[in-house]
mmCIF file of all heavy atoms, coordinates in Angstrom:
data_MODEL
# 
_entry.id   MODEL 
# 
loop_
_atom_site.group_PDB 
_atom_site.id 
_atom_site.type_symbol 
_atom_site.label_atom_id 
_atom_site.label_alt_id 
_atom_site.label_comp_id 
_atom_site.label_asym_id 
_atom_site.label_entity_id 
_atom_site.label_seq_id 
_atom_site.pdbx_PDB_ins_code 
_atom_site.Cartn_x 
_atom_site.Cartn_y 
_atom_site.Cartn_z 
_atom_site.occupancy 
_atom_site.B_iso_or_equiv 
_atom_site.pdbx_formal_charge 
_atom_site.auth_seq_id 
_atom_site.auth_comp_id 
_atom_site.auth_asym_id 
_atom_site.auth_atom_id 
_atom_site.pdbx_PDB_model_num 
ATOM 1   N N   . MET A 1 1  ? 180.314 89.866  -121.114 1.00 0.00 ? 1  MET A N   1 
ATOM 2   C CA  . MET A 1 1  ? 181.159 88.815  -121.526 1.00 0.00 ? 1  MET A CA  1 
ATOM 3   C C   . MET A 1 1  ? 180.584 87.869  -122.504 1.00 0.00 ? 1  MET A C   1 
ATOM 4   O O   . MET A 1 1  ? 181.184 87.516  -123.638 1.00 0.00 ? 1  MET A O   1 
ATOM 5   C CB  . MET A 1 1  ? 181.668 88.003  -120.330 1.00 0.00 ? 1  MET A CB  1 
ATOM 6   C CG  . MET A 1 1  ? 182.695 86.928  -120.650 1.00 0.00 ? 1  MET A CG  1 
ATOM 7   S SD  . MET A 1 1  ? 181.990 85.403  -121.156 1.00 0.00 ? 1  MET A SD  1 
ATOM 8   C CE  . MET A 1 1  ? 181.297 84.801  -119.509 1.00 0.00 ? 1  MET A CE  1 
ATOM 9   N N   . LEU A 1 2  ? 179.265 87.392  -122.328 1.00 0.00 ? 2  LEU A N   1 
ATOM 10  C CA  . LEU A 1 2  ? 178.603 86.478  -123.193 1.00 0.00 ? 2  LEU A CA  1 
ATOM 11  C C   . LEU A 1 2  ? 178.289 87.182  -124.544 1.00 0.00 ? 2  LEU A C   1 
ATOM 12  O O   . LEU A 1 2  ? 178.371 86.512  -125.560 1.00 0.00 ? 2  LEU A O   1 
ATOM 13  C CB  . LEU A 1 2  ? 177.406 86.006  -122.516 1.00 0.00 ? 2  LEU A CB  1 
ATOM 14  C CG  . LEU A 1 2  ? 177.522 84.934  -121.418 1.00 0.00 ? 2  LEU A CG  1 
ATOM 15  C CD1 . LEU A 1 2  ? 176.280 84.759  -120.607 1.00 0.00 ? 2  LEU A CD1 1 
ATOM 16  C CD2 . LEU A 1 2  ? 178.149 83.654  -121.901 1.00 0.00 ? 2  LEU A CD2 1 
ATOM 17  N N   . VAL A 1 3  ? 177.872 88.445  -124.587 1.00 0.00 ? 3  VAL A N   1 
ATOM 18  C CA  . VAL A 1 3  ? 177.691 89.111  -125.819 1.00 0.00 ? 3  VAL A CA  1 
ATOM 19  C C   . VAL A 1 3  ? 178.903 89.213  -126.650 1.00 0.00 ? 3  VAL A C   1 
ATOM 20  O O   . VAL A 1 3  ? 178.940 88.936  -127.821 1.00 0.00 ? 3  VAL A O   1 
ATOM 21  C CB  . VAL A 1 3  ? 177.052 90.401  -125.607 1.00 0.00 ? 3  VAL A CB  1 
ATOM 22  C CG1 . VAL A 1 3  ? 176.802 91.248  -126.896 1.00 0.00 ? 3  VAL A CG1 1 
ATOM 23  C CG2 . VAL A 1 3  ? 175.556 90.318  -124.966 1.00 0.00 ? 3  VAL A CG2 1 
ATOM 24  N N   . THR A 1 4  ? 179.995 89.681  -125.881 1.00 0.00 ? 4  THR A N   1 
ATOM 25  C CA  . THR A 1 4  ? 181.400 89.703  -126.591 1.00 0.00 ? 4  THR A CA  1 
ATOM 26  C C   . THR A 1 4  ? 181.762 88.322  -127.189 1.00 0.00 ? 4  THR A C   1 
ATOM 27  O O   . THR A 1 4  ? 182.217 88.242  -128.325 1.00 0.00 ? 4  THR A O   1 
ATOM 28  C CB  . THR A 1 4  ? 182.395 90.209  -125.656 1.00 0.00 ? 4  THR A CB  1 
ATOM 29  O OG1 . THR A 1 4  ? 181.997 91.508  -125.057 1.00 0.00 ? 4  THR A OG1 1 
ATOM 30  C CG2 . THR A 1 4  ? 183.724 90.335  -126.262 1.00 0.00 ? 4  THR A CG2 1 
ATOM 31  N N   . GLN A 1 5  ? 181.605 87.315  -126.458 1.00 0.00 ? 5  GLN A N   1 
ATOM 32  C CA  . GLN A 1 5  ? 181.873 85.897  -126.922 1.00 0.00 ? 5  GLN A CA  1 
ATOM 33  C C   . GLN A 1 5  ? 181.053 85.576  -128.120 1.00 0.00 ? 5  GLN A C   1 
ATOM 34  O O   . GLN A 1 5  ? 181.585 85.012  -129.089 1.00 0.00 ? 5  GLN A O   1 
ATOM 35  C CB  . GLN A 1 5  ? 181.610 84.921  -125.810 1.00 0.00 ? 5  GLN A CB  1 
ATOM 36  C CG  . GLN A 1 5  ? 181.828 83.395  -126.101 1.00 0.00 ? 5  GLN A CG  1 
ATOM 37  C CD  . GLN A 1 5  ? 181.521 82.553  -125.000 1.00 0.00 ? 5  GLN A CD  1 
ATOM 38  O OE1 . GLN A 1 5  ? 182.428 82.059  -124.378 1.00 0.00 ? 5  GLN A OE1 1 
ATOM 39  N NE2 . GLN A 1 5  ? 180.204 82.419  -124.765 1.00 0.00 ? 5  GLN A NE2 1 
ATOM 40  N N   . ALA A 1 6  ? 179.798 85.826  -127.962 1.00 0.00 ? 6  ALA A N   1 
ATOM 41  C CA  . ALA A 1 6  ? 178.904 85.642  -129.106 1.00 0.00 ? 6  ALA A CA  1 
ATOM 42  C C   . ALA A 1 6  ? 179.306 86.306  -130.433 1.00 0.00 ? 6  ALA A C   1 
ATOM 43  O O   . ALA A 1 6  ? 179.176 85.737  -131.502 1.00 0.00 ? 6  ALA A O   1 
ATOM 44  C CB  . ALA A 1 6  ? 177.503 86.030  -128.776 1.00 0.00 ? 6  ALA A CB  1 
ATOM 45  N N   . VAL A 1 7  ? 179.681 87.583  -130.343 1.00 0.00 ? 7  VAL A N   1 
ATOM 46  C CA  . VAL A 1 7  ? 180.172 88.329  -131.425 1.00 0.00 ? 7  VAL A CA  1 
ATOM 47  C C   . VAL A 1 7  ? 181.397 87.818  -132.021 1.00 0.00 ? 7  VAL A C   1 
ATOM 48  O O   . VAL A 1 7  ? 181.506 87.558  -133.273 1.00 0.00 ? 7  VAL A O   1 
ATOM 49  C CB  . VAL A 1 7  ? 180.365 89.821  -131.175 1.00 0.00 ? 7  VAL A CB  1 
ATOM 50  C CG1 . VAL A 1 7  ? 181.003 90.666  -132.306 1.00 0.00 ? 7  VAL A CG1 1 
ATOM 51  C CG2 . VAL A 1 7  ? 178.966 90.497  -130.756 1.00 0.00 ? 7  VAL A CG2 1 
ATOM 52  N N   . THR A 1 8  ? 182.413 87.485  -131.214 1.00 0.00 ? 8  THR A N   1 
ATOM 53  C CA  . THR A 1 8  ? 183.691 87.048  -131.755 1.00 0.00 ? 8  THR A CA  1 
ATOM 54  C C   . THR A 1 8  ? 183.577 85.609  -132.295 1.00 0.00 ? 8  THR A C   1 
ATOM 55  O O   . THR A 1 8  ? 184.208 85.330  -133.258 1.00 0.00 ? 8  THR A O   1 
ATOM 56  C CB  . THR A 1 8  ? 184.750 87.023  -130.659 1.00 0.00 ? 8  THR A CB  1 
ATOM 57  O OG1 . THR A 1 8  ? 184.364 86.366  -129.508 1.00 0.00 ? 8  THR A OG1 1 
ATOM 58  C CG2 . THR A 1 8  ? 185.042 88.445  -130.215 1.00 0.00 ? 8  THR A CG2 1 
ATOM 59  N N   . ASP A 1 9  ? 182.731 84.792  -131.703 1.00 0.00 ? 9  ASP A N   1 
ATOM 60  C CA  . ASP A 1 9  ? 182.563 83.470  -132.280 1.00 0.00 ? 9  ASP A CA  1 
ATOM 61  C C   . ASP A 1 9  ? 181.918 83.457  -133.648 1.00 0.00 ? 9  ASP A C   1 
ATOM 62  O O   . ASP A 1 9  ? 182.247 82.579  -134.474 1.00 0.00 ? 9  ASP A O   1 
ATOM 63  C CB  . ASP A 1 9  ? 181.545 82.613  -131.431 1.00 0.00 ? 9  ASP A CB  1 
ATOM 64  C CG  . ASP A 1 9  ? 182.341 82.041  -130.107 1.00 0.00 ? 9  ASP A CG  1 
ATOM 65  O OD1 . ASP A 1 9  ? 183.510 82.105  -130.033 1.00 0.00 ? 9  ASP A OD1 1 
ATOM 66  O OD2 . ASP A 1 9  ? 181.571 81.504  -129.223 1.00 0.00 ? 9  ASP A OD2 1 
ATOM 67  N N   . ARG A 1 10 ? 181.196 84.511  -133.953 1.00 0.00 ? 10 ARG A N   1 
ATOM 68  C CA  . ARG A 1 10 ? 180.545 84.522  -135.294 1.00 0.00 ? 10 ARG A CA  1 
ATOM 69  C C   . ARG A 1 10 ? 181.366 85.217  -136.316 1.00 0.00 ? 10 ARG A C   1 
ATOM 70  O O   . ARG A 1 10 ? 180.967 85.431  -137.446 1.00 0.00 ? 10 ARG A O   1 
ATOM 71  C CB  . ARG A 1 10 ? 179.193 85.368  -135.111 1.00 0.00 ? 10 ARG A CB  1 
ATOM 72  C CG  . ARG A 1 10 ? 178.070 84.386  -134.586 1.00 0.00 ? 10 ARG A CG  1 
ATOM 73  C CD  . ARG A 1 10 ? 176.957 84.974  -133.843 1.00 0.00 ? 10 ARG A CD  1 
ATOM 74  N NE  . ARG A 1 10 ? 175.980 83.998  -133.413 1.00 0.00 ? 10 ARG A NE  1 
ATOM 75  C CZ  . ARG A 1 10 ? 176.232 83.251  -132.294 1.00 0.00 ? 10 ARG A CZ  1 
ATOM 76  N NH1 . ARG A 1 10 ? 177.356 83.391  -131.590 1.00 0.00 ? 10 ARG A NH1 1 
ATOM 77  N NH2 . ARG A 1 10 ? 175.381 82.225  -131.874 1.00 0.00 ? 10 ARG A NH2 1 
ATOM 78  N N   . MET A 1 11 ? 182.627 85.523  -135.927 1.00 0.00 ? 11 MET A N   1 
ATOM 79  C CA  . MET A 1 11 ? 183.588 85.951  -136.949 1.00 0.00 ? 11 MET A CA  1 
ATOM 80  C C   . MET A 1 11 ? 184.450 84.819  -137.494 1.00 0.00 ? 11 MET A C   1 
ATOM 81  O O   . MET A 1 11 ? 185.181 85.056  -138.397 1.00 0.00 ? 11 MET A O   1 
ATOM 82  C CB  . MET A 1 11 ? 184.580 86.991  -136.290 1.00 0.00 ? 11 MET A CB  1 
ATOM 83  C CG  . MET A 1 11 ? 183.834 88.196  -135.835 1.00 0.00 ? 11 MET A CG  1 
ATOM 84  S SD  . MET A 1 11 ? 185.018 89.377  -135.060 1.00 0.00 ? 11 MET A SD  1 
ATOM 85  C CE  . MET A 1 11 ? 183.939 90.694  -134.624 1.00 0.00 ? 11 MET A CE  1 
ATOM 86  N N   . ALA A 1 12 ? 184.316 83.607  -136.981 1.00 0.00 ? 12 ALA A N   1 
ATOM 87  C CA  . ALA A 1 12 ? 185.006 82.508  -137.328 1.00 0.00 ? 12 ALA A CA  1 
ATOM 88  C C   . ALA A 1 12 ? 184.759 82.126  -138.926 1.00 0.00 ? 12 ALA A C   1 
ATOM 89  O O   . ALA A 1 12 ? 183.680 82.185  -139.372 1.00 0.00 ? 12 ALA A O   1 
ATOM 90  C CB  . ALA A 1 12 ? 184.765 81.177  -136.570 1.00 0.00 ? 12 ALA A CB  1 
ATOM 91  N N   . GLY A 1 13 ? 185.812 81.824  -139.636 1.00 0.00 ? 13 GLY A N   1 
ATOM 92  C CA  . GLY A 1 13 ? 185.751 81.296  -140.921 1.00 0.00 ? 13 GLY A CA  1 
ATOM 93  C C   . GLY A 1 13 ? 185.415 82.332  -142.038 1.00 0.00 ? 13 GLY A C   1 
ATOM 94  O O   . GLY A 1 13 ? 185.213 81.913  -143.231 1.00 0.00 ? 13 GLY A O   1 
ATOM 95  N N   . ALA A 1 14 ? 185.519 83.619  -141.761 1.00 0.00 ? 14 ALA A N   1 
ATOM 96  C CA  . ALA A 1 14 ? 185.215 84.644  -142.723 1.00 0.00 ? 14 ALA A CA  1 
ATOM 97  C C   . ALA A 1 14 ? 186.146 85.768  -142.567 1.00 0.00 ? 14 ALA A C   1 
ATOM 98  O O   . ALA A 1 14 ? 186.738 85.982  -141.446 1.00 0.00 ? 14 ALA A O   1 
ATOM 99  C CB  . ALA A 1 14 ? 183.817 85.133  -142.619 1.00 0.00 ? 14 ALA A CB  1 
ATOM 100 N N   . THR A 1 15 ? 186.337 86.658  -143.546 1.00 0.00 ? 15 THR A N   1 
ATOM 101 C CA  . THR A 1 15 ? 187.203 87.850  -143.514 1.00 0.00 ? 15 THR A CA  1 
ATOM 102 C C   . THR A 1 15 ? 186.625 89.048  -144.007 1.00 0.00 ? 15 THR A C   1 
ATOM 103 O O   . THR A 1 15 ? 187.181 90.147  -143.748 1.00 0.00 ? 15 THR A O   1 
ATOM 104 C CB  . THR A 1 15 ? 188.487 87.568  -144.449 1.00 0.00 ? 15 THR A CB  1 
ATOM 105 O OG1 . THR A 1 15 ? 188.028 87.263  -145.769 1.00 0.00 ? 15 THR A OG1 1 
ATOM 106 C CG2 . THR A 1 15 ? 189.256 86.376  -143.885 1.00 0.00 ? 15 THR A CG2 1 
ATOM 107 N N   . SER A 1 16 ? 185.445 88.937  -144.555 1.00 0.00 ? 16 SER A N   1 
ATOM 108 C CA  . SER A 1 16 ? 184.721 90.247  -145.050 1.00 0.00 ? 16 SER A CA  1 
ATOM 109 C C   . SER A 1 16 ? 183.376 90.247  -144.498 1.00 0.00 ? 16 SER A C   1 
ATOM 110 O O   . SER A 1 16 ? 182.464 89.390  -144.553 1.00 0.00 ? 16 SER A O   1 
ATOM 111 C CB  . SER A 1 16 ? 184.593 90.097  -146.651 1.00 0.00 ? 16 SER A CB  1 
ATOM 112 O OG  . SER A 1 16 ? 183.912 91.247  -147.052 1.00 0.00 ? 16 SER A OG  1 
ATOM 113 N N   . PHE A 1 17 ? 183.086 91.331  -143.667 1.00 0.00 ? 17 PHE A N   1 
ATOM 114 C CA  . PHE A 1 17 ? 181.933 91.470  -142.849 1.00 0.00 ? 17 PHE A CA  1 
ATOM 115 C C   . PHE A 1 17 ? 181.207 92.761  -143.114 1.00 0.00 ? 17 PHE A C   1 
ATOM 116 O O   . PHE A 1 17 ? 181.636 93.757  -143.707 1.00 0.00 ? 17 PHE A O   1 
ATOM 117 C CB  . PHE A 1 17 ? 182.213 91.539  -141.367 1.00 0.00 ? 17 PHE A CB  1 
ATOM 118 C CG  . PHE A 1 17 ? 182.874 90.315  -140.913 1.00 0.00 ? 17 PHE A CG  1 
ATOM 119 C CD1 . PHE A 1 17 ? 184.196 89.890  -141.017 1.00 0.00 ? 17 PHE A CD1 1 
ATOM 120 C CD2 . PHE A 1 17 ? 182.128 89.352  -140.246 1.00 0.00 ? 17 PHE A CD2 1 
ATOM 121 C CE1 . PHE A 1 17 ? 184.755 88.666  -140.515 1.00 0.00 ? 17 PHE A CE1 1 
ATOM 122 C CE2 . PHE A 1 17 ? 182.639 88.166  -139.784 1.00 0.00 ? 17 PHE A CE2 1 
ATOM 123 C CZ  . PHE A 1 17 ? 183.951 87.825  -139.885 1.00 0.00 ? 17 PHE A CZ  1 
ATOM 124 N N   . ALA A 1 18 ? 179.958 92.730  -142.828 1.00 0.00 ? 18 ALA A N   1 
ATOM 125 C CA  . ALA A 1 18 ? 179.019 93.883  -142.777 1.00 0.00 ? 18 ALA A CA  1 
ATOM 126 C C   . ALA A 1 18 ? 178.162 93.846  -141.488 1.00 0.00 ? 18 ALA A C   1 
ATOM 127 O O   . ALA A 1 18 ? 178.068 92.767  -140.915 1.00 0.00 ? 18 ALA A O   1 
ATOM 128 C CB  . ALA A 1 18 ? 178.143 93.972  -143.927 1.00 0.00 ? 18 ALA A CB  1 
ATOM 129 N N   . VAL A 1 19 ? 177.631 94.933  -141.070 1.00 0.00 ? 19 VAL A N   1 
ATOM 130 C CA  . VAL A 1 19 ? 176.792 94.956  -139.885 1.00 0.00 ? 19 VAL A CA  1 
ATOM 131 C C   . VAL A 1 19 ? 175.531 95.827  -140.254 1.00 0.00 ? 19 VAL A C   1 
ATOM 132 O O   . VAL A 1 19 ? 175.542 96.819  -140.849 1.00 0.00 ? 19 VAL A O   1 
ATOM 133 C CB  . VAL A 1 19 ? 177.555 95.689  -138.702 1.00 0.00 ? 19 VAL A CB  1 
ATOM 134 C CG1 . VAL A 1 19 ? 178.654 94.874  -138.237 1.00 0.00 ? 19 VAL A CG1 1 
ATOM 135 C CG2 . VAL A 1 19 ? 178.062 97.067  -139.039 1.00 0.00 ? 19 VAL A CG2 1 
ATOM 136 N N   . HIS A 1 20 ? 174.501 95.355  -139.691 1.00 0.00 ? 20 HIS A N   1 
ATOM 137 C CA  . HIS A 1 20 ? 173.324 96.157  -139.603 1.00 0.00 ? 20 HIS A CA  1 
ATOM 138 C C   . HIS A 1 20 ? 173.488 97.361  -138.664 1.00 0.00 ? 20 HIS A C   1 
ATOM 139 O O   . HIS A 1 20 ? 173.990 97.115  -137.515 1.00 0.00 ? 20 HIS A O   1 
ATOM 140 C CB  . HIS A 1 20 ? 172.100 95.304  -139.089 1.00 0.00 ? 20 HIS A CB  1 
ATOM 141 C CG  . HIS A 1 20 ? 171.479 94.425  -140.200 1.00 0.00 ? 20 HIS A CG  1 
ATOM 142 N ND1 . HIS A 1 20 ? 170.733 93.334  -139.991 1.00 0.00 ? 20 HIS A ND1 1 
ATOM 143 C CD2 . HIS A 1 20 ? 171.459 94.558  -141.601 1.00 0.00 ? 20 HIS A CD2 1 
ATOM 144 C CE1 . HIS A 1 20 ? 170.446 92.652  -141.089 1.00 0.00 ? 20 HIS A CE1 1 
ATOM 145 N NE2 . HIS A 1 20 ? 170.851 93.434  -142.068 1.00 0.00 ? 20 HIS A NE2 1 
ATOM 146 N N   . LEU A 1 21 ? 173.116 98.512  -138.962 1.00 0.00 ? 21 LEU A N   1 
ATOM 147 C CA  . LEU A 1 21 ? 173.341 99.701  -138.100 1.00 0.00 ? 21 LEU A CA  1 
ATOM 148 C C   . LEU A 1 21 ? 172.117 100.562 -138.089 1.00 0.00 ? 21 LEU A C   1 
ATOM 149 O O   . LEU A 1 21 ? 172.093 101.657 -138.826 1.00 0.00 ? 21 LEU A O   1 
ATOM 150 C CB  . LEU A 1 21 ? 174.589 100.406 -138.512 1.00 0.00 ? 21 LEU A CB  1 
ATOM 151 C CG  . LEU A 1 21 ? 175.358 101.187 -137.468 1.00 0.00 ? 21 LEU A CG  1 
ATOM 152 C CD1 . LEU A 1 21 ? 175.874 100.170 -136.459 1.00 0.00 ? 21 LEU A CD1 1 
ATOM 153 C CD2 . LEU A 1 21 ? 176.620 101.939 -138.152 1.00 0.00 ? 21 LEU A CD2 1 
ATOM 154 N N   . SER A 1 22 ? 171.112 100.122 -137.444 1.00 0.00 ? 22 SER A N   1 
ATOM 155 C CA  . SER A 1 22 ? 169.780 100.836 -137.536 1.00 0.00 ? 22 SER A CA  1 
ATOM 156 C C   . SER A 1 22 ? 169.803 102.054 -136.473 1.00 0.00 ? 22 SER A C   1 
ATOM 157 O O   . SER A 1 22 ? 168.929 102.971 -136.700 1.00 0.00 ? 22 SER A O   1 
ATOM 158 C CB  . SER A 1 22 ? 168.703 99.883  -137.097 1.00 0.00 ? 22 SER A CB  1 
ATOM 159 O OG  . SER A 1 22 ? 168.807 99.556  -135.751 1.00 0.00 ? 22 SER A OG  1 
ATOM 160 N N   . GLY A 1 23 ? 170.750 102.129 -135.692 1.00 0.00 ? 23 GLY A N   1 
ATOM 161 C CA  . GLY A 1 23 ? 170.775 103.188 -134.671 1.00 0.00 ? 23 GLY A CA  1 
ATOM 162 C C   . GLY A 1 23 ? 170.085 102.601 -133.417 1.00 0.00 ? 23 GLY A C   1 
ATOM 163 O O   . GLY A 1 23 ? 169.934 103.386 -132.416 1.00 0.00 ? 23 GLY A O   1 
ATOM 164 N N   . GLY A 1 24 ? 169.554 101.443 -133.358 1.00 0.00 ? 24 GLY A N   1 
ATOM 165 C CA  . GLY A 1 24 ? 168.870 100.911 -132.178 1.00 0.00 ? 24 GLY A CA  1 
ATOM 166 C C   . GLY A 1 24 ? 169.946 100.242 -131.295 1.00 0.00 ? 24 GLY A C   1 
ATOM 167 O O   . GLY A 1 24 ? 171.148 100.109 -131.653 1.00 0.00 ? 24 GLY A O   1 
ATOM 168 N N   . LEU A 1 25 ? 169.558 99.800  -130.106 1.00 0.00 ? 25 LEU A N   1 
ATOM 169 C CA  . LEU A 1 25 ? 170.491 99.285  -129.081 1.00 0.00 ? 25 LEU A CA  1 
ATOM 170 C C   . LEU A 1 25 ? 171.157 97.907  -129.623 1.00 0.00 ? 25 LEU A C   1 
ATOM 171 O O   . LEU A 1 25 ? 172.373 97.771  -129.500 1.00 0.00 ? 25 LEU A O   1 
ATOM 172 C CB  . LEU A 1 25 ? 169.711 98.936  -127.804 1.00 0.00 ? 25 LEU A CB  1 
ATOM 173 C CG  . LEU A 1 25 ? 169.565 100.047 -126.856 1.00 0.00 ? 25 LEU A CG  1 
ATOM 174 C CD1 . LEU A 1 25 ? 168.645 99.636  -125.766 1.00 0.00 ? 25 LEU A CD1 1 
ATOM 175 C CD2 . LEU A 1 25 ? 170.992 100.321 -126.163 1.00 0.00 ? 25 LEU A CD2 1 
ATOM 176 N N   . ASP A 1 26 ? 170.383 97.075  -130.289 1.00 0.00 ? 26 ASP A N   1 
ATOM 177 C CA  . ASP A 1 26 ? 170.875 95.656  -130.637 1.00 0.00 ? 26 ASP A CA  1 
ATOM 178 C C   . ASP A 1 26 ? 171.931 95.849  -131.577 1.00 0.00 ? 26 ASP A C   1 
ATOM 179 O O   . ASP A 1 26 ? 173.093 95.338  -131.446 1.00 0.00 ? 26 ASP A O   1 
ATOM 180 C CB  . ASP A 1 26 ? 169.635 94.867  -131.067 1.00 0.00 ? 26 ASP A CB  1 
ATOM 181 C CG  . ASP A 1 26 ? 168.560 94.788  -130.083 1.00 0.00 ? 26 ASP A CG  1 
ATOM 182 O OD1 . ASP A 1 26 ? 168.953 94.747  -128.866 1.00 0.00 ? 26 ASP A OD1 1 
ATOM 183 O OD2 . ASP A 1 26 ? 167.463 94.566  -130.502 1.00 0.00 ? 26 ASP A OD2 1 
ATOM 184 N N   . SER A 1 27 ? 171.659 96.406  -132.758 1.00 0.00 ? 27 SER A N   1 
ATOM 185 C CA  . SER A 1 27 ? 172.680 96.399  -133.856 1.00 0.00 ? 27 SER A CA  1 
ATOM 186 C C   . SER A 1 27 ? 173.813 97.275  -133.454 1.00 0.00 ? 27 SER A C   1 
ATOM 187 O O   . SER A 1 27 ? 175.022 97.044  -133.780 1.00 0.00 ? 27 SER A O   1 
ATOM 188 C CB  . SER A 1 27 ? 171.981 96.900  -135.153 1.00 0.00 ? 27 SER A CB  1 
ATOM 189 O OG  . SER A 1 27 ? 171.542 98.322  -135.059 1.00 0.00 ? 27 SER A OG  1 
ATOM 190 N N   . SER A 1 28 ? 173.644 98.338  -132.710 1.00 0.00 ? 28 SER A N   1 
ATOM 191 C CA  . SER A 1 28 ? 174.698 99.185  -132.269 1.00 0.00 ? 28 SER A CA  1 
ATOM 192 C C   . SER A 1 28 ? 175.664 98.583  -131.340 1.00 0.00 ? 28 SER A C   1 
ATOM 193 O O   . SER A 1 28 ? 176.886 98.748  -131.495 1.00 0.00 ? 28 SER A O   1 
ATOM 194 C CB  . SER A 1 28 ? 174.108 100.472 -131.581 1.00 0.00 ? 28 SER A CB  1 
ATOM 195 O OG  . SER A 1 28 ? 173.359 101.203 -132.506 1.00 0.00 ? 28 SER A OG  1 
ATOM 196 N N   . LEU A 1 29 ? 175.156 97.793  -130.442 1.00 0.00 ? 29 LEU A N   1 
ATOM 197 C CA  . LEU A 1 29 ? 176.096 97.053  -129.467 1.00 0.00 ? 29 LEU A CA  1 
ATOM 198 C C   . LEU A 1 29 ? 176.887 96.066  -130.241 1.00 0.00 ? 29 LEU A C   1 
ATOM 199 O O   . LEU A 1 29 ? 178.163 95.856  -130.003 1.00 0.00 ? 29 LEU A O   1 
ATOM 200 C CB  . LEU A 1 29 ? 175.242 96.323  -128.365 1.00 0.00 ? 29 LEU A CB  1 
ATOM 201 C CG  . LEU A 1 29 ? 176.027 95.502  -127.347 1.00 0.00 ? 29 LEU A CG  1 
ATOM 202 C CD1 . LEU A 1 29 ? 177.032 96.457  -126.671 1.00 0.00 ? 29 LEU A CD1 1 
ATOM 203 C CD2 . LEU A 1 29 ? 175.123 94.913  -126.367 1.00 0.00 ? 29 LEU A CD2 1 
ATOM 204 N N   . ILE A 1 30 ? 176.209 95.362  -131.158 1.00 0.00 ? 30 ILE A N   1 
ATOM 205 C CA  . ILE A 1 30 ? 177.022 94.293  -131.920 1.00 0.00 ? 30 ILE A CA  1 
ATOM 206 C C   . ILE A 1 30 ? 178.212 95.016  -132.742 1.00 0.00 ? 30 ILE A C   1 
ATOM 207 O O   . ILE A 1 30 ? 179.284 94.584  -132.744 1.00 0.00 ? 30 ILE A O   1 
ATOM 208 C CB  . ILE A 1 30 ? 176.137 93.635  -132.834 1.00 0.00 ? 30 ILE A CB  1 
ATOM 209 C CG1 . ILE A 1 30 ? 175.223 92.585  -132.036 1.00 0.00 ? 30 ILE A CG1 1 
ATOM 210 C CG2 . ILE A 1 30 ? 176.871 92.732  -134.026 1.00 0.00 ? 30 ILE A CG2 1 
ATOM 211 C CD1 . ILE A 1 30 ? 174.138 92.045  -132.835 1.00 0.00 ? 30 ILE A CD1 1 
# 
């Protein structure tokens, strides 16, 4: 729940996004 909240909160105020996608756990979960 907290990780989901952290991700959605960081979408505020923007419309165009990119993600790091290294294939590791951290970037993949985000």
